[in-house]
């Protein structure tokens, strides 16, 4: 008589075992057939990839221990141990009383010695004496010369004899007896032989008045019309002894006065103003 696994004659444990055995005997050949089939070979890489991803995901999801949190704990334990050792060492030391404070000194005791006592030299040291200055010899008032007898320094004589700066070499000096135009004043523009005449109205009048004076002394005077310019007249003069040619030039200055000078070359009014003082030549 055959009994099935669900027969009430078997206890519950035996019925479960018989059922599992029958199921495995049916499923195992089916699983083996599937593994050996071409479908499994096609799906195997995908299944392995899925399993690998699942395993790695589980590993990443696992919580890792926090090492940074353990470090302060360890440090605090070491500090506690050091503090305990220090407390033990301090408790073993004997109690020492503090030394008493020194008494405050009075200001009189700390005052520096007086400067006189420190600077006092030894009693037996001799102080050298500085030589006394010579006493000037006293003289009577009669020994001094009077003011009239005092000599005059040579520098004053030299200054009196100095004739002052001389005229440039191209400027011809007038002779002392030359008859200048009435009211003429020498020394214009720093040149002694330069003569200035004021209040004559026109420089041409001065030029016409000077020509007869030079002709009377033997000069051949010729008006150079080719050199005539605004405010200037030039006369060419040849000496009677055949000397070098000289030029009489008469200018009209800005203030209305007339200026005349004799030179070895033709000058303009600006040239005359900028000449330097050099030794002059001599004219009649």
Protein backbone atom coordinates (compact mmCIF):
# COMPACT_ATOMS: atom_id res chain seq x y z
CA UNK A 1 0.00 0.00 0.00
CA UNK A 2 1.54 3.22 -1.05
CA UNK A 3 1.37 6.39 0.98
CA UNK A 4 1.67 9.90 -0.36
CA UNK A 5 3.63 12.68 1.39
CA UNK A 6 0.38 14.31 2.45
CA UNK A 7 -0.82 11.16 4.12
CA UNK A 8 -1.89 11.78 7.66
CA UNK A 9 0.11 8.73 8.74
CA UNK A 10 3.42 10.70 8.51
CA UNK A 11 4.34 13.21 11.10
CA UNK A 12 4.59 16.87 9.92
CA UNK A 13 8.43 16.85 9.76
CA UNK A 14 8.54 13.83 7.57
CA UNK A 15 5.86 15.22 5.32
CA UNK A 16 8.00 18.45 4.80
CA UNK A 17 11.10 16.43 4.03
CA UNK A 18 9.30 14.24 1.55
CA UNK A 19 7.85 17.30 -0.19
CA UNK A 20 11.26 19.03 -0.44
CA UNK A 21 12.83 15.88 -1.83
CA UNK A 22 10.20 15.55 -4.51
CA UNK A 23 10.55 19.22 -5.47
CA UNK A 24 14.34 19.04 -5.71
CA UNK A 25 14.19 15.94 -7.82
CA UNK A 26 12.00 17.86 -10.22
CA UNK A 27 13.81 21.27 -10.17
CA UNK A 28 17.46 20.22 -10.29
CA UNK A 29 17.25 18.62 -13.74
CA UNK A 30 15.38 21.68 -14.98
CA UNK A 31 18.08 24.07 -13.58
CA UNK A 32 20.85 21.98 -15.10
CA UNK A 33 19.14 22.05 -18.44
CA UNK A 34 18.85 25.84 -18.24
CA UNK A 35 22.52 26.28 -17.31
CA UNK A 36 23.60 24.12 -20.21
CA UNK A 37 21.33 25.84 -22.69
CA UNK A 38 22.46 28.66 -25.08
CA UNK A 39 20.15 31.17 -23.39
CA UNK A 40 22.22 31.04 -20.18
CA UNK A 41 25.45 31.54 -22.10
CA UNK A 42 23.92 34.66 -23.64
CA UNK A 43 22.64 36.03 -20.31
CA UNK A 44 25.63 35.02 -18.19
CA UNK A 45 27.64 38.29 -18.64
CA UNK A 46 24.63 40.42 -17.76
CA UNK A 47 23.91 38.31 -14.68
CA UNK A 48 27.53 38.51 -13.52
CA UNK A 49 27.58 42.28 -14.04
CA UNK A 50 24.37 42.65 -12.05
CA UNK A 51 25.79 40.56 -9.19
CA UNK A 52 29.05 42.57 -9.18
CA UNK A 53 27.23 45.89 -9.05
CA UNK A 54 25.01 44.62 -6.22
CA UNK A 55 27.97 43.42 -4.17
CA UNK A 56 29.89 46.69 -4.60
CA UNK A 57 26.82 48.67 -3.69
CA UNK A 58 26.47 46.69 -0.46
CA UNK A 59 30.15 47.30 0.37
CA UNK A 60 29.84 51.05 -0.19
CA UNK A 61 26.69 51.20 1.88
CA UNK A 62 28.41 49.67 4.91
CA UNK A 63 29.30 52.36 7.53
CA UNK A 64 33.05 52.96 7.99
CA UNK A 65 34.56 53.67 11.41
CA UNK A 66 35.30 57.38 12.06
CA UNK A 67 39.01 57.57 12.86
CA UNK A 68 38.97 61.33 13.39
CA UNK A 69 36.59 60.89 16.27
CA UNK A 70 38.92 58.35 17.90
CA UNK A 71 41.97 60.67 17.76
CA UNK A 72 40.69 63.30 20.24
CA UNK A 73 39.54 60.48 22.48
CA UNK A 74 43.03 59.01 22.52
CA UNK A 75 44.57 62.42 23.00
CA UNK A 76 42.25 63.20 25.84
CA UNK A 77 43.15 59.93 27.49
CA UNK A 78 46.85 60.75 27.22
CA UNK A 79 46.24 64.19 28.65
CA UNK A 80 44.28 62.73 31.50
CA UNK A 81 47.14 60.38 32.25
CA UNK A 82 49.66 63.23 32.23
CA UNK A 83 47.44 65.38 34.42
CA UNK A 84 47.05 62.53 36.88
CA UNK A 85 50.83 62.02 37.00
CA UNK A 86 51.35 65.75 37.51
CA UNK A 87 48.79 65.86 40.27
CA UNK A 88 50.49 62.93 41.97
CA UNK A 89 53.91 64.58 41.67
CA UNK A 90 52.60 67.87 43.04
CA UNK A 91 50.91 66.14 45.94
CA UNK A 92 54.20 64.40 46.84
CA UNK A 93 56.19 67.66 47.02
CA UNK A 94 56.69 69.12 50.50
CA UNK A 95 55.12 72.47 51.26
CA UNK A 96 57.70 75.29 51.27
CA UNK A 97 56.96 78.62 52.84
CA UNK A 98 57.59 81.78 50.80
CA UNK A 99 60.60 83.85 51.93
CA UNK A 100 59.74 87.07 53.76
CA UNK A 101 59.82 90.26 51.72
CA UNK A 102 62.90 92.49 52.30
CA UNK A 103 62.19 95.69 54.23
CA UNK A 104 61.87 98.85 52.18
CA UNK A 105 64.87 101.17 52.41
CA UNK A 106 64.36 104.80 53.20
CA UNK A 107 65.10 107.42 50.48
CA UNK A 108 68.00 108.76 52.52
CA UNK A 109 69.84 105.44 52.32
CA UNK A 110 69.50 105.13 48.53
CA UNK A 111 70.42 108.74 47.69
CA UNK A 112 73.57 109.00 45.47
CA UNK A 113 76.69 110.56 46.91
CA UNK A 114 77.03 114.27 46.45
CA UNK A 115 78.78 115.57 43.36
CA UNK A 116 81.20 117.56 45.46
CA UNK A 117 82.42 114.49 47.33
CA UNK A 118 82.86 112.49 44.11
CA UNK A 119 84.67 115.26 42.27
CA UNK A 120 86.95 116.29 45.13
CA UNK A 121 90.61 115.81 44.05
CA UNK A 122 93.23 114.45 46.42
CA UNK A 123 94.59 116.96 48.86
CA UNK A 124 98.22 116.39 47.91
CA UNK A 125 97.68 116.96 44.12
CA UNK A 126 99.13 120.25 42.87
CA UNK A 127 97.04 122.30 40.46
CA UNK A 128 99.12 123.73 37.56
CA UNK A 129 98.83 127.45 37.14
CA UNK A 130 98.18 128.93 33.70
CA UNK A 131 100.65 131.64 32.67
CA UNK A 132 99.37 135.13 33.18
CA UNK A 133 98.67 137.10 29.98
CA UNK A 134 101.26 139.72 29.16
CA UNK A 135 100.38 143.18 30.30
CA UNK A 136 100.43 145.62 27.37
CA UNK A 137 102.95 148.34 27.67
CA UNK A 138 101.34 151.61 28.56
CA UNK A 139 102.36 154.54 26.43
CA UNK A 140 101.88 158.21 26.99
CA UNK A 141 99.60 160.22 24.78
CA UNK A 142 102.61 162.23 23.60
CA UNK A 143 104.03 159.14 21.86
CA UNK A 144 101.10 158.91 19.41
CA UNK A 145 101.36 161.02 16.23
CA UNK A 146 98.79 163.64 15.46
CA UNK A 147 96.22 163.14 12.74
CA UNK A 148 98.06 165.43 10.33
CA UNK A 149 101.22 163.34 10.68
CA UNK A 150 99.56 160.01 9.88
CA UNK A 151 100.73 158.57 6.53
CA UNK A 152 98.24 158.18 3.70
CA UNK A 153 97.92 154.69 2.31
CA UNK A 154 99.16 154.08 -1.20
CA UNK A 155 95.85 152.47 -2.17
CA UNK A 156 94.08 155.80 -2.02
CA UNK A 157 96.68 157.42 -4.25
CA UNK A 158 96.38 154.59 -6.75
CA UNK A 159 92.61 154.96 -6.80
CA UNK A 160 92.89 158.68 -7.41
CA UNK A 161 95.36 158.19 -10.27
CA UNK A 162 93.25 155.48 -11.92
CA UNK A 163 91.60 157.08 -14.97
CA UNK A 164 88.89 154.41 -15.04
CA UNK A 165 87.96 152.04 -17.83
CA UNK A 166 89.07 152.97 -21.31
CA UNK A 167 87.02 152.87 -24.51
CA UNK A 168 86.98 149.99 -27.02
CA UNK A 169 89.82 149.91 -29.53
CA UNK A 170 87.56 150.67 -32.51
CA UNK A 171 86.38 153.89 -30.83
CA UNK A 172 88.55 156.90 -31.68
CA UNK A 173 89.16 159.30 -28.79
CA UNK A 174 88.85 163.03 -29.37
CA UNK A 175 91.80 165.30 -28.67
CA UNK A 176 91.43 167.48 -25.57
CA UNK A 177 91.08 170.67 -27.64
CA UNK A 178 88.49 169.30 -30.07
CA UNK A 179 85.50 171.70 -30.37
CA UNK A 180 82.54 169.48 -29.44
CA UNK A 181 78.95 170.39 -30.23
CA UNK A 182 77.50 172.85 -27.73
CA UNK A 183 76.06 171.04 -24.69
CA UNK A 184 77.67 167.67 -25.51
CA UNK A 185 78.23 165.29 -22.56
CA UNK A 186 80.72 162.40 -22.73
CA UNK A 187 80.26 158.89 -21.36
CA UNK A 188 77.10 157.57 -23.03
CA UNK A 189 76.71 153.75 -22.85
CA UNK A 190 79.80 153.57 -20.65
CA UNK A 191 82.12 154.86 -23.41
CA UNK A 192 84.08 158.02 -22.62
CA UNK A 193 84.46 159.18 -26.25
CA UNK A 194 80.72 158.78 -26.90
CA UNK A 195 79.04 162.21 -26.80
CA UNK A 196 75.36 162.94 -26.13
CA UNK A 197 73.57 166.22 -27.02
CA UNK A 198 70.09 166.98 -25.69
CA UNK A 199 67.51 169.50 -26.85
CA UNK A 200 68.82 170.06 -30.39
CA UNK A 201 65.68 168.94 -32.20
CA UNK A 202 67.28 166.60 -34.77
CA UNK A 203 70.43 164.49 -34.98
CA UNK A 204 70.97 165.85 -38.52
CA UNK A 205 71.57 169.32 -37.07
CA UNK A 206 74.31 167.87 -34.86
CA UNK A 207 75.90 166.10 -37.84
CA UNK A 208 75.95 169.29 -39.94
CA UNK A 209 77.47 171.23 -37.03
CA UNK A 210 80.32 168.70 -36.52
CA UNK A 211 81.48 168.46 -40.16
CA UNK A 212 83.18 171.95 -40.24
CA UNK A 213 85.13 171.13 -37.06
CA UNK A 214 86.69 168.02 -38.65
CA UNK A 215 87.35 169.80 -41.96
CA UNK A 216 89.17 172.56 -40.06
CA UNK A 217 91.57 169.90 -38.75
CA UNK A 218 92.45 168.63 -42.19
CA UNK A 219 89.95 165.77 -42.59
CA UNK A 220 88.33 165.07 -45.95
CA UNK A 221 84.69 164.47 -44.88
CA UNK A 222 82.18 162.75 -47.21
CA UNK A 223 78.54 161.89 -46.44
CA UNK A 224 77.85 158.19 -47.08
CA UNK A 225 74.31 158.33 -48.37
CA UNK A 226 74.44 154.60 -49.18
CA UNK A 227 74.86 153.89 -45.43
CA UNK A 228 72.21 156.34 -44.27
CA UNK A 229 69.53 154.62 -42.23
CA UNK A 230 66.62 155.68 -40.06
CA UNK A 231 68.09 157.51 -37.07
CA UNK A 232 71.70 157.35 -38.32
CA UNK A 233 74.04 159.42 -40.53
CA UNK A 234 77.52 158.17 -41.47
CA UNK A 235 80.43 160.37 -42.67
CA UNK A 236 83.63 158.90 -44.09
CA UNK A 237 86.72 160.88 -43.01
CA UNK A 238 90.22 160.66 -44.48
CA UNK A 239 93.02 162.20 -42.34
CA UNK A 240 95.36 164.72 -43.97
CA UNK A 241 98.45 162.62 -43.12
CA UNK A 242 97.07 159.65 -45.10
CA UNK A 243 96.17 157.57 -42.07
CA UNK A 244 93.42 154.93 -41.86
CA UNK A 245 89.84 155.83 -42.72
CA UNK A 246 87.58 156.85 -39.83
CA UNK A 247 83.80 157.20 -39.60
CA UNK A 248 81.76 159.86 -37.88
CA UNK A 249 78.37 158.42 -36.91
CA UNK A 250 75.50 160.45 -35.50
CA UNK A 251 72.49 158.56 -34.00
CA UNK A 252 69.06 159.53 -32.77
CA UNK A 253 68.38 157.86 -29.40
CA UNK A 254 64.96 156.82 -28.06
CA UNK A 255 64.77 159.79 -25.66
CA UNK A 256 65.15 162.29 -28.55
CA UNK A 257 68.79 163.10 -27.84
CA UNK A 258 71.58 162.89 -30.44
CA UNK A 259 74.61 160.63 -29.94
CA UNK A 260 77.83 160.89 -31.98
CA UNK A 261 81.06 158.92 -31.99
CA UNK A 262 84.10 158.38 -34.26
CA UNK A 263 85.10 154.78 -35.00
CA UNK A 264 87.43 152.81 -37.25
CA UNK A 265 84.47 150.75 -38.51
CA UNK A 266 80.80 151.36 -39.21
CA UNK A 267 78.57 150.67 -36.19
CA UNK A 268 74.88 150.57 -35.49
CA UNK A 269 73.32 151.99 -32.35
CA UNK A 270 72.94 148.47 -30.91
CA UNK A 271 76.62 147.77 -31.64
CA UNK A 272 77.56 150.93 -29.79
CA UNK A 273 75.50 149.90 -26.75
CA UNK A 274 77.17 146.49 -26.50
CA UNK A 275 80.83 147.50 -26.94
CA UNK A 276 83.17 146.62 -24.07
CA UNK A 277 85.69 148.97 -22.57
CA UNK A 278 89.10 148.47 -24.19
CA UNK A 279 92.01 150.90 -24.83
CA UNK A 280 90.97 153.57 -27.42
CA UNK A 281 92.75 154.91 -30.48
CA UNK A 282 93.75 158.57 -30.66
CA UNK A 283 92.11 161.06 -33.08
CA UNK A 284 92.69 164.74 -33.91
